[in-house]
Full PDB file with SEQRES, HELIX, SHEET, SSBOND, CRYST1, ORIGX, SCALE, CONECT and MASTER records, all heavy atoms in Angstrom:
SEQRES   1 A   32  PRO TYR PHE ASN GLU GLY PHE ASP GLY GLU SER PHE ILE          
SEQRES   2 A   32  ASP ILE LYS VAL HIS ASP LYS ASP LEU ALA VAL VAL VAL          
SEQRES   3 A   32  ALA GLU SER TYR LYS LYS                                      
HELIX    1 AA1 TYR A    2  PHE A    7  1                                   6    
SHEET    1 AA1 2 PHE A  12  LYS A  16  0                                        
SHEET    2 AA1 2 ALA A  23  GLU A  28 -1                                        
CRYST1    1.000    1.000    1.000  90.00  90.00  90.00 P 1           1          
ORIGX1      1.000000  0.000000  0.000000        0.00000                         
ORIGX2      0.000000  1.000000  0.000000        0.00000                         
ORIGX3      0.000000  0.000000  1.000000        0.00000                         
SCALE1      1.000000  0.000000  0.000000        0.00000                         
SCALE2      0.000000  1.000000  0.000000        0.00000                         
SCALE3      0.000000  0.000000  1.000000        0.00000                         
ATOM      1  N   PRO A   1    -120.403-114.491 -59.714  1.00  0.00           N  
ATOM      2  CA  PRO A   1    -120.664-114.613 -58.366  1.00  0.00           C  
ATOM      3  C   PRO A   1    -121.679-115.854 -58.064  1.00  0.00           C  
ATOM      4  O   PRO A   1    -121.682-116.428 -57.026  1.00  0.00           O  
ATOM      5  CB  PRO A   1    -121.432-113.470 -57.958  1.00  0.00           C  
ATOM      6  CG  PRO A   1    -120.916-112.351 -58.907  1.00  0.00           C  
ATOM      7  CD  PRO A   1    -120.655-113.136 -60.165  1.00  0.00           C  
ATOM      8  N   TYR A   2    -122.438-116.209 -59.015  1.00  0.00           N  
ATOM      9  CA  TYR A   2    -123.263-117.362 -58.925  1.00  0.00           C  
ATOM     10  C   TYR A   2    -122.536-118.664 -58.776  1.00  0.00           C  
ATOM     11  O   TYR A   2    -122.937-119.586 -58.064  1.00  0.00           O  
ATOM     12  CB  TYR A   2    -124.187-117.450 -60.137  1.00  0.00           C  
ATOM     13  CG  TYR A   2    -125.210-116.428 -60.316  1.00  0.00           C  
ATOM     14  CD1 TYR A   2    -125.044-115.275 -61.024  1.00  0.00           C  
ATOM     15  CD2 TYR A   2    -126.523-116.438 -59.655  1.00  0.00           C  
ATOM     16  CE1 TYR A   2    -125.928-114.258 -61.089  1.00  0.00           C  
ATOM     17  CE2 TYR A   2    -127.445-115.418 -59.683  1.00  0.00           C  
ATOM     18  CZ  TYR A   2    -127.155-114.329 -60.463  1.00  0.00           C  
ATOM     19  OH  TYR A   2    -127.995-113.340 -60.493  1.00  0.00           O  
ATOM     20  N   PHE A   3    -121.425-118.720 -59.434  1.00  0.00           N  
ATOM     21  CA  PHE A   3    -120.643-119.865 -59.282  1.00  0.00           C  
ATOM     22  C   PHE A   3    -120.013-120.057 -57.898  1.00  0.00           C  
ATOM     23  O   PHE A   3    -119.949-121.154 -57.275  1.00  0.00           O  
ATOM     24  CB  PHE A   3    -119.435-119.890 -60.315  1.00  0.00           C  
ATOM     25  CG  PHE A   3    -119.934-119.949 -61.801  1.00  0.00           C  
ATOM     26  CD1 PHE A   3    -119.756-118.832 -62.472  1.00  0.00           C  
ATOM     27  CD2 PHE A   3    -120.375-121.116 -62.336  1.00  0.00           C  
ATOM     28  CE1 PHE A   3    -120.117-118.860 -63.805  1.00  0.00           C  
ATOM     29  CE2 PHE A   3    -120.871-121.157 -63.568  1.00  0.00           C  
ATOM     30  CZ  PHE A   3    -120.707-120.089 -64.385  1.00  0.00           C  
ATOM     31  N   ASN A   4    -119.697-118.910 -57.325  1.00  0.00           N  
ATOM     32  CA  ASN A   4    -119.240-118.892 -55.845  1.00  0.00           C  
ATOM     33  C   ASN A   4    -120.140-119.572 -54.955  1.00  0.00           C  
ATOM     34  O   ASN A   4    -119.829-120.288 -54.082  1.00  0.00           O  
ATOM     35  CB  ASN A   4    -118.948-117.386 -55.437  1.00  0.00           C  
ATOM     36  CG  ASN A   4    -117.722-116.806 -56.116  1.00  0.00           C  
ATOM     37  OD1 ASN A   4    -117.296-117.356 -57.119  1.00  0.00           O  
ATOM     38  ND2 ASN A   4    -117.331-115.700 -55.595  1.00  0.00           N  
ATOM     39  N   GLU A   5    -121.538-119.236 -55.200  1.00  0.00           N  
ATOM     40  CA  GLU A   5    -122.516-119.852 -54.296  1.00  0.00           C  
ATOM     41  C   GLU A   5    -122.732-121.295 -54.421  1.00  0.00           C  
ATOM     42  O   GLU A   5    -122.646-122.033 -53.428  1.00  0.00           O  
ATOM     43  CB  GLU A   5    -123.847-119.188 -54.540  1.00  0.00           C  
ATOM     44  CG  GLU A   5    -123.943-117.681 -54.144  1.00  0.00           C  
ATOM     45  CD  GLU A   5    -125.061-116.975 -54.715  1.00  0.00           C  
ATOM     46  OE1 GLU A   5    -125.871-117.658 -55.236  1.00  0.00           O  
ATOM     47  OE2 GLU A   5    -125.101-115.723 -54.521  1.00  0.00           O  
ATOM     48  N   GLY A   6    -122.599-121.661 -55.651  1.00  0.00           N  
ATOM     49  CA  GLY A   6    -122.761-123.132 -55.880  1.00  0.00           C  
ATOM     50  C   GLY A   6    -121.551-123.916 -55.458  1.00  0.00           C  
ATOM     51  O   GLY A   6    -121.762-125.137 -55.138  1.00  0.00           O  
ATOM     52  N   PHE A   7    -120.330-123.408 -55.493  1.00  0.00           N  
ATOM     53  CA  PHE A   7    -119.231-124.229 -55.254  1.00  0.00           C  
ATOM     54  C   PHE A   7    -118.475-123.705 -53.893  1.00  0.00           C  
ATOM     55  O   PHE A   7    -117.438-124.185 -53.652  1.00  0.00           O  
ATOM     56  CB  PHE A   7    -118.283-124.191 -56.388  1.00  0.00           C  
ATOM     57  CG  PHE A   7    -118.676-124.987 -57.567  1.00  0.00           C  
ATOM     58  CD1 PHE A   7    -119.588-124.426 -58.469  1.00  0.00           C  
ATOM     59  CD2 PHE A   7    -118.352-126.340 -57.739  1.00  0.00           C  
ATOM     60  CE1 PHE A   7    -120.136-125.265 -59.538  1.00  0.00           C  
ATOM     61  CE2 PHE A   7    -118.829-127.047 -58.691  1.00  0.00           C  
ATOM     62  CZ  PHE A   7    -119.687-126.539 -59.682  1.00  0.00           C  
ATOM     63  N   ASP A   8    -119.184-122.775 -53.279  1.00  0.00           N  
ATOM     64  CA  ASP A   8    -118.595-122.330 -51.960  1.00  0.00           C  
ATOM     65  C   ASP A   8    -117.145-121.946 -52.054  1.00  0.00           C  
ATOM     66  O   ASP A   8    -116.385-122.395 -51.209  1.00  0.00           O  
ATOM     67  CB  ASP A   8    -118.900-123.346 -50.955  1.00  0.00           C  
ATOM     68  CG  ASP A   8    -118.607-122.780 -49.489  1.00  0.00           C  
ATOM     69  OD1 ASP A   8    -118.763-121.599 -49.255  1.00  0.00           O  
ATOM     70  OD2 ASP A   8    -118.257-123.661 -48.603  1.00  0.00           O  
ATOM     71  N   GLY A   9    -116.800-121.167 -53.051  1.00  0.00           N  
ATOM     72  CA  GLY A   9    -115.366-120.704 -53.190  1.00  0.00           C  
ATOM     73  C   GLY A   9    -115.250-119.598 -54.060  1.00  0.00           C  
ATOM     74  O   GLY A   9    -116.147-118.643 -53.928  1.00  0.00           O  
ATOM     75  N   GLU A  10    -114.181-119.494 -54.888  1.00  0.00           N  
ATOM     76  CA  GLU A  10    -114.036-118.337 -55.784  1.00  0.00           C  
ATOM     77  C   GLU A  10    -113.859-118.812 -57.148  1.00  0.00           C  
ATOM     78  O   GLU A  10    -113.473-119.928 -57.438  1.00  0.00           O  
ATOM     79  CB  GLU A  10    -112.744-117.519 -55.263  1.00  0.00           C  
ATOM     80  CG  GLU A  10    -112.818-117.210 -53.750  1.00  0.00           C  
ATOM     81  CD  GLU A  10    -112.140-115.918 -53.463  1.00  0.00           C  
ATOM     82  OE1 GLU A  10    -111.983-115.012 -54.319  1.00  0.00           O  
ATOM     83  OE2 GLU A  10    -111.842-115.712 -52.304  1.00  0.00           O  
ATOM     84  N   SER A  11    -114.151-117.919 -58.114  1.00  0.00           N  
ATOM     85  CA  SER A  11    -114.088-118.288 -59.474  1.00  0.00           C  
ATOM     86  C   SER A  11    -113.341-117.276 -60.354  1.00  0.00           C  
ATOM     87  O   SER A  11    -113.325-116.122 -60.059  1.00  0.00           O  
ATOM     88  CB  SER A  11    -115.604-118.357 -60.016  1.00  0.00           C  
ATOM     89  OG  SER A  11    -116.211-117.150 -59.728  1.00  0.00           O  
ATOM     90  N   PHE A  12    -112.668-117.822 -61.371  1.00  0.00           N  
ATOM     91  CA  PHE A  12    -111.812-116.956 -62.143  1.00  0.00           C  
ATOM     92  C   PHE A  12    -112.004-117.386 -63.529  1.00  0.00           C  
ATOM     93  O   PHE A  12    -112.518-118.492 -63.973  1.00  0.00           O  
ATOM     94  CB  PHE A  12    -110.241-117.250 -61.814  1.00  0.00           C  
ATOM     95  CG  PHE A  12    -109.985-116.971 -60.369  1.00  0.00           C  
ATOM     96  CD1 PHE A  12    -110.040-118.114 -59.482  1.00  0.00           C  
ATOM     97  CD2 PHE A  12    -109.441-115.835 -59.976  1.00  0.00           C  
ATOM     98  CE1 PHE A  12    -109.819-117.947 -58.205  1.00  0.00           C  
ATOM     99  CE2 PHE A  12    -109.042-115.646 -58.626  1.00  0.00           C  
ATOM    100  CZ  PHE A  12    -109.221-116.648 -57.723  1.00  0.00           C  
ATOM    101  N   ILE A  13    -111.587-116.503 -64.557  1.00  0.00           N  
ATOM    102  CA  ILE A  13    -111.595-116.884 -65.961  1.00  0.00           C  
ATOM    103  C   ILE A  13    -110.276-116.603 -66.485  1.00  0.00           C  
ATOM    104  O   ILE A  13    -109.637-115.492 -66.350  1.00  0.00           O  
ATOM    105  CB  ILE A  13    -112.662-116.127 -66.704  1.00  0.00           C  
ATOM    106  CG1 ILE A  13    -114.060-116.525 -66.278  1.00  0.00           C  
ATOM    107  CG2 ILE A  13    -112.547-116.364 -68.258  1.00  0.00           C  
ATOM    108  CD1 ILE A  13    -115.162-115.779 -67.025  1.00  0.00           C  
ATOM    109  N   ASP A  14    -109.596-117.664 -67.171  1.00  0.00           N  
ATOM    110  CA  ASP A  14    -108.282-117.315 -67.829  1.00  0.00           C  
ATOM    111  C   ASP A  14    -108.368-117.487 -69.338  1.00  0.00           C  
ATOM    112  O   ASP A  14    -109.172-118.320 -69.872  1.00  0.00           O  
ATOM    113  CB  ASP A  14    -107.309-118.448 -67.227  1.00  0.00           C  
ATOM    114  CG  ASP A  14    -106.955-118.303 -65.889  1.00  0.00           C  
ATOM    115  OD1 ASP A  14    -107.469-117.413 -65.165  1.00  0.00           O  
ATOM    116  OD2 ASP A  14    -106.251-119.228 -65.338  1.00  0.00           O  
ATOM    117  N   ILE A  15    -107.579-116.702 -69.988  1.00  0.00           N  
ATOM    118  CA  ILE A  15    -107.423-116.845 -71.387  1.00  0.00           C  
ATOM    119  C   ILE A  15    -106.036-117.343 -71.762  1.00  0.00           C  
ATOM    120  O   ILE A  15    -105.104-117.082 -70.892  1.00  0.00           O  
ATOM    121  CB  ILE A  15    -107.784-115.481 -72.216  1.00  0.00           C  
ATOM    122  CG1 ILE A  15    -106.833-114.453 -71.720  1.00  0.00           C  
ATOM    123  CG2 ILE A  15    -109.209-115.247 -72.099  1.00  0.00           C  
ATOM    124  CD1 ILE A  15    -106.857-113.117 -72.474  1.00  0.00           C  
ATOM    125  N   LYS A  16    -105.768-117.992 -72.832  1.00  0.00           N  
ATOM    126  CA  LYS A  16    -104.480-118.539 -73.216  1.00  0.00           C  
ATOM    127  C   LYS A  16    -103.830-117.637 -74.171  1.00  0.00           C  
ATOM    128  O   LYS A  16    -104.315-117.207 -75.174  1.00  0.00           O  
ATOM    129  CB  LYS A  16    -104.605-119.944 -73.840  1.00  0.00           C  
ATOM    130  CG  LYS A  16    -103.284-120.731 -73.777  1.00  0.00           C  
ATOM    131  CD  LYS A  16    -103.543-122.163 -74.206  1.00  0.00           C  
ATOM    132  CE  LYS A  16    -102.164-122.881 -74.090  1.00  0.00           C  
ATOM    133  NZ  LYS A  16    -101.123-122.368 -75.003  1.00  0.00           N  
ATOM    134  N   VAL A  17    -102.519-117.291 -73.852  1.00  0.00           N  
ATOM    135  CA  VAL A  17    -101.759-116.388 -74.702  1.00  0.00           C  
ATOM    136  C   VAL A  17    -101.471-117.116 -76.022  1.00  0.00           C  
ATOM    137  O   VAL A  17    -101.037-118.381 -76.062  1.00  0.00           O  
ATOM    138  CB  VAL A  17    -100.398-116.037 -74.097  1.00  0.00           C  
ATOM    139  CG1 VAL A  17     -99.634-115.145 -75.020  1.00  0.00           C  
ATOM    140  CG2 VAL A  17    -100.651-115.273 -72.736  1.00  0.00           C  
ATOM    141  N   HIS A  18    -101.717-116.610 -77.174  1.00  0.00           N  
ATOM    142  CA  HIS A  18    -101.712-117.246 -78.426  1.00  0.00           C  
ATOM    143  C   HIS A  18    -100.314-117.769 -78.920  1.00  0.00           C  
ATOM    144  O   HIS A  18    -100.239-118.868 -79.481  1.00  0.00           O  
ATOM    145  CB  HIS A  18    -102.353-116.476 -79.624  1.00  0.00           C  
ATOM    146  CG  HIS A  18    -101.479-115.328 -80.115  1.00  0.00           C  
ATOM    147  ND1 HIS A  18    -100.616-115.458 -81.163  1.00  0.00           N  
ATOM    148  CD2 HIS A  18    -101.358-114.025 -79.658  1.00  0.00           C  
ATOM    149  CE1 HIS A  18    -100.007-114.395 -81.369  1.00  0.00           C  
ATOM    150  NE2 HIS A  18    -100.393-113.524 -80.433  1.00  0.00           N  
ATOM    151  N   ASP A  19     -99.300-117.128 -78.479  1.00  0.00           N  
ATOM    152  CA  ASP A  19     -97.967-117.528 -78.989  1.00  0.00           C  
ATOM    153  C   ASP A  19     -96.945-117.902 -77.917  1.00  0.00           C  
ATOM    154  O   ASP A  19     -95.790-118.060 -78.168  1.00  0.00           O  
ATOM    155  CB  ASP A  19     -97.305-116.285 -79.796  1.00  0.00           C  
ATOM    156  CG  ASP A  19     -97.194-114.976 -78.944  1.00  0.00           C  
ATOM    157  OD1 ASP A  19     -97.707-115.044 -77.856  1.00  0.00           O  
ATOM    158  OD2 ASP A  19     -96.579-113.958 -79.466  1.00  0.00           O  
ATOM    159  N   LYS A  20     -97.513-118.075 -76.652  1.00  0.00           N  
ATOM    160  CA  LYS A  20     -96.751-118.549 -75.595  1.00  0.00           C  
ATOM    161  C   LYS A  20     -97.504-119.539 -74.835  1.00  0.00           C  
ATOM    162  O   LYS A  20     -98.734-119.579 -74.762  1.00  0.00           O  
ATOM    163  CB  LYS A  20     -96.217-117.452 -74.678  1.00  0.00           C  
ATOM    164  CG  LYS A  20     -95.284-116.433 -75.419  1.00  0.00           C  
ATOM    165  CD  LYS A  20     -94.883-115.354 -74.477  1.00  0.00           C  
ATOM    166  CE  LYS A  20     -94.059-114.335 -75.255  1.00  0.00           C  
ATOM    167  NZ  LYS A  20     -93.639-113.162 -74.343  1.00  0.00           N  
ATOM    168  N   ASP A  21     -96.775-120.437 -74.033  1.00  0.00           N  
ATOM    169  CA  ASP A  21     -97.395-121.315 -73.113  1.00  0.00           C  
ATOM    170  C   ASP A  21     -97.804-120.721 -71.804  1.00  0.00           C  
ATOM    171  O   ASP A  21     -97.298-121.146 -70.740  1.00  0.00           O  
ATOM    172  CB  ASP A  21     -96.536-122.559 -72.936  1.00  0.00           C  
ATOM    173  CG  ASP A  21     -97.307-123.788 -72.415  1.00  0.00           C  
ATOM    174  OD1 ASP A  21     -98.466-123.888 -72.680  1.00  0.00           O  
ATOM    175  OD2 ASP A  21     -96.685-124.674 -71.753  1.00  0.00           O  
ATOM    176  N   LEU A  22     -98.634-119.687 -71.884  1.00  0.00           N  
ATOM    177  CA  LEU A  22     -99.002-118.916 -70.704  1.00  0.00           C  
ATOM    178  C   LEU A  22    -100.519-118.716 -70.779  1.00  0.00           C  
ATOM    179  O   LEU A  22    -101.147-118.774 -71.801  1.00  0.00           O  
ATOM    180  CB  LEU A  22     -98.305-117.619 -70.631  1.00  0.00           C  
ATOM    181  CG  LEU A  22     -96.734-117.624 -70.665  1.00  0.00           C  
ATOM    182  CD1 LEU A  22     -96.230-116.177 -70.890  1.00  0.00           C  
ATOM    183  CD2 LEU A  22     -96.190-118.228 -69.332  1.00  0.00           C  
ATOM    184  N   ALA A  23    -101.126-118.322 -69.565  1.00  0.00           N  
ATOM    185  CA  ALA A  23    -102.460-117.939 -69.545  1.00  0.00           C  
ATOM    186  C   ALA A  23    -102.575-116.596 -68.697  1.00  0.00           C  
ATOM    187  O   ALA A  23    -101.629-116.313 -68.006  1.00  0.00           O  
ATOM    188  CB  ALA A  23    -103.335-118.935 -68.952  1.00  0.00           C  
ATOM    189  N   VAL A  24    -103.748-115.911 -68.946  1.00  0.00           N  
ATOM    190  CA  VAL A  24    -103.885-114.604 -68.169  1.00  0.00           C  
ATOM    191  C   VAL A  24    -105.275-114.620 -67.451  1.00  0.00           C  
ATOM    192  O   VAL A  24    -106.222-114.984 -68.117  1.00  0.00           O  
ATOM    193  CB  VAL A  24    -103.716-113.342 -69.201  1.00  0.00           C  
ATOM    194  CG1 VAL A  24    -104.004-112.179 -68.525  1.00  0.00           C  
ATOM    195  CG2 VAL A  24    -102.456-113.390 -69.881  1.00  0.00           C  
ATOM    196  N   VAL A  25    -105.376-114.159 -66.217  1.00  0.00           N  
ATOM    197  CA  VAL A  25    -106.608-113.970 -65.612  1.00  0.00           C  
ATOM    198  C   VAL A  25    -107.362-112.735 -66.062  1.00  0.00           C  
ATOM    199  O   VAL A  25    -106.755-111.633 -65.918  1.00  0.00           O  
ATOM    200  CB  VAL A  25    -106.389-113.926 -64.062  1.00  0.00           C  
ATOM    201  CG1 VAL A  25    -107.749-113.820 -63.397  1.00  0.00           C  
ATOM    202  CG2 VAL A  25    -105.613-115.054 -63.672  1.00  0.00           C  
ATOM    203  N   VAL A  26    -108.456-112.899 -66.731  1.00  0.00           N  
ATOM    204  CA  VAL A  26    -109.191-111.756 -67.144  1.00  0.00           C  
ATOM    205  C   VAL A  26    -110.519-111.449 -66.468  1.00  0.00           C  
ATOM    206  O   VAL A  26    -111.106-110.393 -66.620  1.00  0.00           O  
ATOM    207  CB  VAL A  26    -109.567-111.960 -68.586  1.00  0.00           C  
ATOM    208  CG1 VAL A  26    -108.399-112.094 -69.521  1.00  0.00           C  
ATOM    209  CG2 VAL A  26    -110.513-113.160 -68.850  1.00  0.00           C  
ATOM    210  N   ALA A  27    -110.899-112.364 -65.435  1.00  0.00           N  
ATOM    211  CA  ALA A  27    -112.100-112.092 -64.697  1.00  0.00           C  
ATOM    212  C   ALA A  27    -111.965-112.844 -63.336  1.00  0.00           C  
ATOM    213  O   ALA A  27    -111.396-113.964 -63.336  1.00  0.00           O  
ATOM    214  CB  ALA A  27    -113.314-112.305 -65.404  1.00  0.00           C  
ATOM    215  N   GLU A  28    -112.536-112.304 -62.391  1.00  0.00           N  
ATOM    216  CA  GLU A  28    -112.512-112.935 -61.056  1.00  0.00           C  
ATOM    217  C   GLU A  28    -113.636-112.526 -60.140  1.00  0.00           C  
ATOM    218  O   GLU A  28    -114.173-111.295 -60.395  1.00  0.00           O  
ATOM    219  CB  GLU A  28    -111.161-112.864 -60.364  1.00  0.00           C  
ATOM    220  CG  GLU A  28    -110.903-111.310 -59.893  1.00  0.00           C  
ATOM    221  CD  GLU A  28    -109.613-111.125 -59.239  1.00  0.00           C  
ATOM    222  OE1 GLU A  28    -108.860-112.096 -59.083  1.00  0.00           O  
ATOM    223  OE2 GLU A  28    -109.337-109.928 -58.875  1.00  0.00           O  
ATOM    224  N   SER A  29    -114.047-113.291 -59.191  1.00  0.00           N  
ATOM    225  CA  SER A  29    -115.156-112.966 -58.259  1.00  0.00           C  
ATOM    226  C   SER A  29    -114.608-112.300 -57.030  1.00  0.00           C  
ATOM    227  O   SER A  29    -115.264-112.292 -56.027  1.00  0.00           O  
ATOM    228  CB  SER A  29    -115.958-114.164 -57.942  1.00  0.00           C  
ATOM    229  OG  SER A  29    -115.164-115.117 -57.382  1.00  0.00           O  
ATOM    230  N   TYR A  30    -113.352-111.786 -57.023  1.00  0.00           N  
ATOM    231  CA  TYR A  30    -112.674-111.294 -55.873  1.00  0.00           C  
ATOM    232  C   TYR A  30    -113.375-110.192 -55.161  1.00  0.00           C  
ATOM    233  O   TYR A  30    -113.792-109.296 -55.765  1.00  0.00           O  
ATOM    234  CB  TYR A  30    -111.290-110.894 -56.356  1.00  0.00           C  
ATOM    235  CG  TYR A  30    -110.417-110.199 -55.132  1.00  0.00           C  
ATOM    236  CD1 TYR A  30    -109.837-110.963 -54.200  1.00  0.00           C  
ATOM    237  CD2 TYR A  30    -110.340-108.887 -55.107  1.00  0.00           C  
ATOM    238  CE1 TYR A  30    -109.010-110.448 -53.234  1.00  0.00           C  
ATOM    239  CE2 TYR A  30    -109.521-108.151 -54.146  1.00  0.00           C  
ATOM    240  CZ  TYR A  30    -108.927-108.994 -53.140  1.00  0.00           C  
ATOM    241  OH  TYR A  30    -108.173-108.396 -52.213  1.00  0.00           O  
ATOM    242  N   LYS A  31    -113.619-110.313 -53.828  1.00  0.00           N  
ATOM    243  CA  LYS A  31    -114.064-109.249 -53.038  1.00  0.00           C  
ATOM    244  C   LYS A  31    -113.105-109.013 -51.992  1.00  0.00           C  
ATOM    245  O   LYS A  31    -112.836-110.017 -51.142  1.00  0.00           O  
ATOM    246  CB  LYS A  31    -115.471-109.554 -52.448  1.00  0.00           C  
ATOM    247  CG  LYS A  31    -116.570-109.471 -53.473  1.00  0.00           C  
ATOM    248  CD  LYS A  31    -117.915-109.699 -52.843  1.00  0.00           C  
ATOM    249  CE  LYS A  31    -119.085-109.598 -53.858  1.00  0.00           C  
ATOM    250  NZ  LYS A  31    -120.385-109.695 -53.247  1.00  0.00           N  
ATOM    251  N   LYS A  32    -112.606-107.953 -51.754  1.00  0.00           N  
ATOM    252  CA  LYS A  32    -111.344-107.643 -50.859  1.00  0.00           C  
ATOM    253  C   LYS A  32    -111.643-108.127 -49.428  1.00  0.00           C  
ATOM    254  O   LYS A  32    -110.828-108.825 -48.808  1.00  0.00           O  
ATOM    255  CB  LYS A  32    -110.936-106.225 -50.823  1.00  0.00           C  
ATOM    256  CG  LYS A  32    -109.645-105.957 -50.177  1.00  0.00           C  
ATOM    257  CD  LYS A  32    -109.168-104.624 -50.484  1.00  0.00           C  
ATOM    258  CE  LYS A  32    -107.807-104.382 -49.783  1.00  0.00           C  
ATOM    259  NZ  LYS A  32    -107.190-103.030 -50.128  1.00  0.00           N  
TER     260      LYS A  32                                                      
MASTER        0    0    0    1    2    0    0    6  259    1    0    3          
END                                                                             
């Protein structure tokens, strides 16, 4: 949430799948 304030937007964290060219969202600042 601190990043949201500084950049006036939304923030996410992605991890990379180890054996495929894909990523997965594991955290977000989403508020409905």
